C-alpha atoms as a PDB file:
ATOM      1  CA  MET A   1      -1.852  15.192  24.565  1.00  0.00           C
ATOM      2  CA  HIS A   2      -2.357  11.581  23.483  1.00  0.00           C
ATOM      3  CA  GLU A   3       1.348  11.290  22.650  1.00  0.00           C
ATOM      4  CA  MET A   4       2.034  10.552  26.337  1.00  0.00           C
ATOM      5  CA  GLY A   5      -0.228   7.496  26.232  1.00  0.00           C
ATOM      6  CA  ILE A   6       1.361   6.328  22.988  1.00  0.00           C
ATOM      7  CA  ALA A   7       4.865   6.799  24.411  1.00  0.00           C
ATOM      8  CA  THR A   8       3.877   4.787  27.487  1.00  0.00           C
ATOM      9  CA  GLU A   9       2.636   1.932  25.281  1.00  0.00           C
ATOM     10  CA  ILE A  10       5.829   1.999  23.182  1.00  0.00           C
ATOM     11  CA  VAL A  11       7.981   1.703  26.312  1.00  0.00           C
ATOM     12  CA  GLU A  12       5.832  -1.142  27.694  1.00  0.00           C
ATOM     13  CA  ILE A  13       5.974  -3.038  24.381  1.00  0.00           C
ATOM     14  CA  ALA A  14       9.730  -2.552  24.094  1.00  0.00           C
ATOM     15  CA  ILE A  15      10.371  -3.789  27.629  1.00  0.00           C
ATOM     16  CA  ALA A  16       8.129  -6.819  27.085  1.00  0.00           C
ATOM     17  CA  SER A  17      10.026  -7.596  23.854  1.00  0.00           C
ATOM     18  CA  ILE A  18      13.412  -8.051  25.499  1.00  0.00           C
ATOM     19  CA  PRO A  19      14.256 -11.773  25.503  1.00  0.00           C
ATOM     20  CA  ASP A  20      14.540 -13.298  28.982  1.00  0.00           C
ATOM     21  CA  ASP A  21      17.898 -14.898  28.189  1.00  0.00           C
ATOM     22  CA  ILE A  22      19.634 -11.540  27.638  1.00  0.00           C
ATOM     23  CA  LYS A  23      21.196 -10.326  30.871  1.00  0.00           C
ATOM     24  CA  ASN A  24      21.911  -6.621  31.403  1.00  0.00           C
ATOM     25  CA  ALA A  25      19.886  -5.712  28.337  1.00  0.00           C
ATOM     26  CA  ARG A  26      19.237  -2.151  27.314  1.00  0.00           C
ATOM     27  CA  VAL A  27      17.098  -0.835  24.477  1.00  0.00           C
ATOM     28  CA  GLU A  28      19.194   1.404  22.270  1.00  0.00           C
ATOM     29  CA  ARG A  29      16.636   2.384  19.641  1.00  0.00           C
ATOM     30  CA  VAL A  30      12.948   1.977  18.842  1.00  0.00           C
ATOM     31  CA  ASN A  31      12.037   2.343  15.173  1.00  0.00           C
ATOM     32  CA  LEU A  32       8.529   3.492  14.274  1.00  0.00           C
ATOM     33  CA  LYS A  33       6.472   4.166  11.171  1.00  0.00           C
ATOM     34  CA  VAL A  34       4.018   7.002  11.742  1.00  0.00           C
ATOM     35  CA  GLY A  35       1.497   8.005   9.087  1.00  0.00           C
ATOM     36  CA  LYS A  36       0.845  11.662   8.348  1.00  0.00           C
ATOM     37  CA  MET A  37      -2.878  11.090   9.076  1.00  0.00           C
ATOM     38  CA  SER A  38      -2.270   9.455  12.457  1.00  0.00           C
ATOM     39  CA  ALA A  39      -2.698  12.802  14.269  1.00  0.00           C
ATOM     40  CA  ILE A  40       0.604  12.341  16.074  1.00  0.00           C
ATOM     41  CA  VAL A  41       2.953  15.262  16.578  1.00  0.00           C
ATOM     42  CA  VAL A  42       6.323  13.544  16.206  1.00  0.00           C
ATOM     43  CA  GLU A  43       8.299  16.031  18.318  1.00  0.00           C
ATOM     44  CA  SER A  44       5.722  15.728  21.123  1.00  0.00           C
ATOM     45  CA  LEU A  45       5.974  11.939  20.914  1.00  0.00           C
ATOM     46  CA  ARG A  46       9.772  12.108  21.179  1.00  0.00           C
ATOM     47  CA  PHE A  47       9.506  14.447  24.183  1.00  0.00           C
ATOM     48  CA  CYS A  48       7.006  12.156  25.927  1.00  0.00           C
ATOM     49  CA  PHE A  49       9.094   9.082  25.081  1.00  0.00           C
ATOM     50  CA  GLU A  50      12.130  10.596  26.827  1.00  0.00           C
ATOM     51  CA  ILE A  51      10.066  11.272  29.941  1.00  0.00           C
ATOM     52  CA  VAL A  52       8.428   7.828  30.058  1.00  0.00           C
ATOM     53  CA  ALA A  53      11.670   5.978  29.215  1.00  0.00           C
ATOM     54  CA  LYS A  54      13.632   7.640  32.009  1.00  0.00           C
ATOM     55  CA  ASP A  55      14.705   5.175  34.726  1.00  0.00           C
ATOM     56  CA  THR A  56      13.712   2.157  32.593  1.00  0.00           C
ATOM     57  CA  LEU A  57      15.636  -0.186  30.282  1.00  0.00           C
ATOM     58  CA  LEU A  58      14.936   2.417  27.587  1.00  0.00           C
ATOM     59  CA  SER A  59      16.627   5.307  29.370  1.00  0.00           C
ATOM     60  CA  GLY A  60      18.664   7.128  26.726  1.00  0.00           C
ATOM     61  CA  ALA A  61      17.147   5.127  23.858  1.00  0.00           C
ATOM     62  CA  LYS A  62      16.540   6.897  20.576  1.00  0.00           C
ATOM     63  CA  LEU A  63      13.075   7.017  19.060  1.00  0.00           C
ATOM     64  CA  ASN A  64      13.579   6.827  15.303  1.00  0.00           C
ATOM     65  CA  VAL A  65      10.447   7.871  13.393  1.00  0.00           C
ATOM     66  CA  GLU A  66       9.839   7.315   9.699  1.00  0.00           C
ATOM     67  CA  GLU A  67       6.920   9.460   8.598  1.00  0.00           C
ATOM     68  CA  ILE A  68       4.688   7.767   6.032  1.00  0.00           C
ATOM     69  CA  PRO A  69       2.940   9.981   3.470  1.00  0.00           C
ATOM     70  CA  VAL A  70      -0.770   9.820   2.755  1.00  0.00           C
ATOM     71  CA  VAL A  71      -1.292   7.788  -0.413  1.00  0.00           C
ATOM     72  CA  ALA A  72      -4.697   7.429  -2.038  1.00  0.00           C
ATOM     73  CA  ARG A  73      -6.050   5.179  -4.794  1.00  0.00           C
ATOM     74  CA  CYS A  74      -9.060   5.914  -6.962  1.00  0.00           C
ATOM     75  CA  ARG A  75     -11.730   3.194  -7.075  1.00  0.00           C
ATOM     76  CA  GLU A  76     -12.856   4.369 -10.501  1.00  0.00           C
ATOM     77  CA  CYS A  77      -9.606   4.510 -12.506  1.00  0.00           C
ATOM     78  CA  ASN A  78      -7.146   2.853 -10.059  1.00  0.00           C
ATOM     79  CA  PHE A  79      -4.814   5.888 -10.169  1.00  0.00           C
ATOM     80  CA  GLU A  80      -2.591   6.158  -7.081  1.00  0.00           C
ATOM     81  CA  TRP A  81      -0.989   9.373  -5.753  1.00  0.00           C
ATOM     82  CA  THR A  82       0.521  11.034  -2.706  1.00  0.00           C
ATOM     83  CA  VAL A  83      -1.934  13.427  -1.077  1.00  0.00           C
ATOM     84  CA  ASN A  84      -0.240  16.742  -0.275  1.00  0.00           C
ATOM     85  CA  LYS A  85      -3.323  18.930   0.165  1.00  0.00           C
ATOM     86  CA  PRO A  86      -6.633  18.286   1.926  1.00  0.00           C
ATOM     87  CA  VAL A  87      -8.348  17.529  -1.392  1.00  0.00           C
ATOM     88  CA  PHE A  88      -9.572  13.973  -1.574  1.00  0.00           C
ATOM     89  CA  THR A  89     -10.639  13.603  -5.189  1.00  0.00           C
ATOM     90  CA  CYS A  90      -8.781  11.694  -7.857  1.00  0.00           C
ATOM     91  CA  ARG A  91      -6.177  13.784  -9.661  1.00  0.00           C
ATOM     92  CA  GLU A  92      -6.744  11.780 -12.821  1.00  0.00           C
ATOM     93  CA  CYS A  93     -10.531  11.388 -13.230  1.00  0.00           C
ATOM     94  CA  LYS A  94     -11.803  13.708 -10.431  1.00  0.00           C
ATOM     95  CA  SER A  95     -13.832  10.927  -8.800  1.00  0.00           C
ATOM     96  CA  GLY A  96     -14.540  11.188  -5.086  1.00  0.00           C
ATOM     97  CA  LEU A  97     -14.452   7.402  -4.687  1.00  0.00           C
ATOM     98  CA  ILE A  98     -11.008   6.917  -3.217  1.00  0.00           C
ATOM     99  CA  ASP A  99      -9.327   4.691  -0.660  1.00  0.00           C
ATOM    100  CA  ILE A 100      -6.506   5.738   1.632  1.00  0.00           C
ATOM    101  CA  VAL A 101      -3.686   3.247   0.996  1.00  0.00           C
ATOM    102  CA  SER A 102      -1.213   4.571   3.557  1.00  0.00           C
ATOM    103  CA  GLY A 103      -0.795   7.401   6.017  1.00  0.00           C
ATOM    104  CA  ARG A 104      -2.593   6.085   9.115  1.00  0.00           C
ATOM    105  CA  GLU A 105       0.213   3.843  10.361  1.00  0.00           C
ATOM    106  CA  LEU A 106       1.534   3.692  13.877  1.00  0.00           C
ATOM    107  CA  ASP A 107       3.808   0.660  13.859  1.00  0.00           C
ATOM    108  CA  ILE A 108       6.861  -0.380  15.818  1.00  0.00           C
ATOM    109  CA  THR A 109       9.054  -1.780  13.052  1.00  0.00           C
ATOM    110  CA  SER A 110      11.963  -2.866  15.248  1.00  0.00           C
ATOM    111  CA  ILE A 111      13.481  -2.603  18.692  1.00  0.00           C
ATOM    112  CA  GLU A 112      17.272  -2.609  18.943  1.00  0.00           C
ATOM    113  CA  VAL A 113      18.552  -4.214  22.143  1.00  0.00           C
ATOM    114  CA  VAL A 114      22.160  -4.331  23.341  1.00  0.00           C
ATOM    115  CA  GLU A 115      23.657  -6.494  26.050  1.00  0.00           C
ATOM    116  CA  GLU A 116      25.955  -4.618  28.383  1.00  0.00           C
END
């Protein structure tokens, strides 16, 4: 389960992101963008995050995940579409020359910190 390693990294990044001048800081929420092709099971990531965050400045923090769809663009006709099935040919011209535009993301978009 690679979600445990990812959760550990998220917690470490969030803790390192807290400004030194904030006393009694606590992370309230971590916002992520996770692509559908990233091979991450979101519920497993949330479960692992709760375990790793326990007894840290992220204890009780919410992991907010925005799932990003797989979007492809044809190199031949420049048509762009959301991929819903495991068929990677252009819907417009049937070319197999496509690029994946989005869907592989794993980005921390923001970390919400409160001072207690």
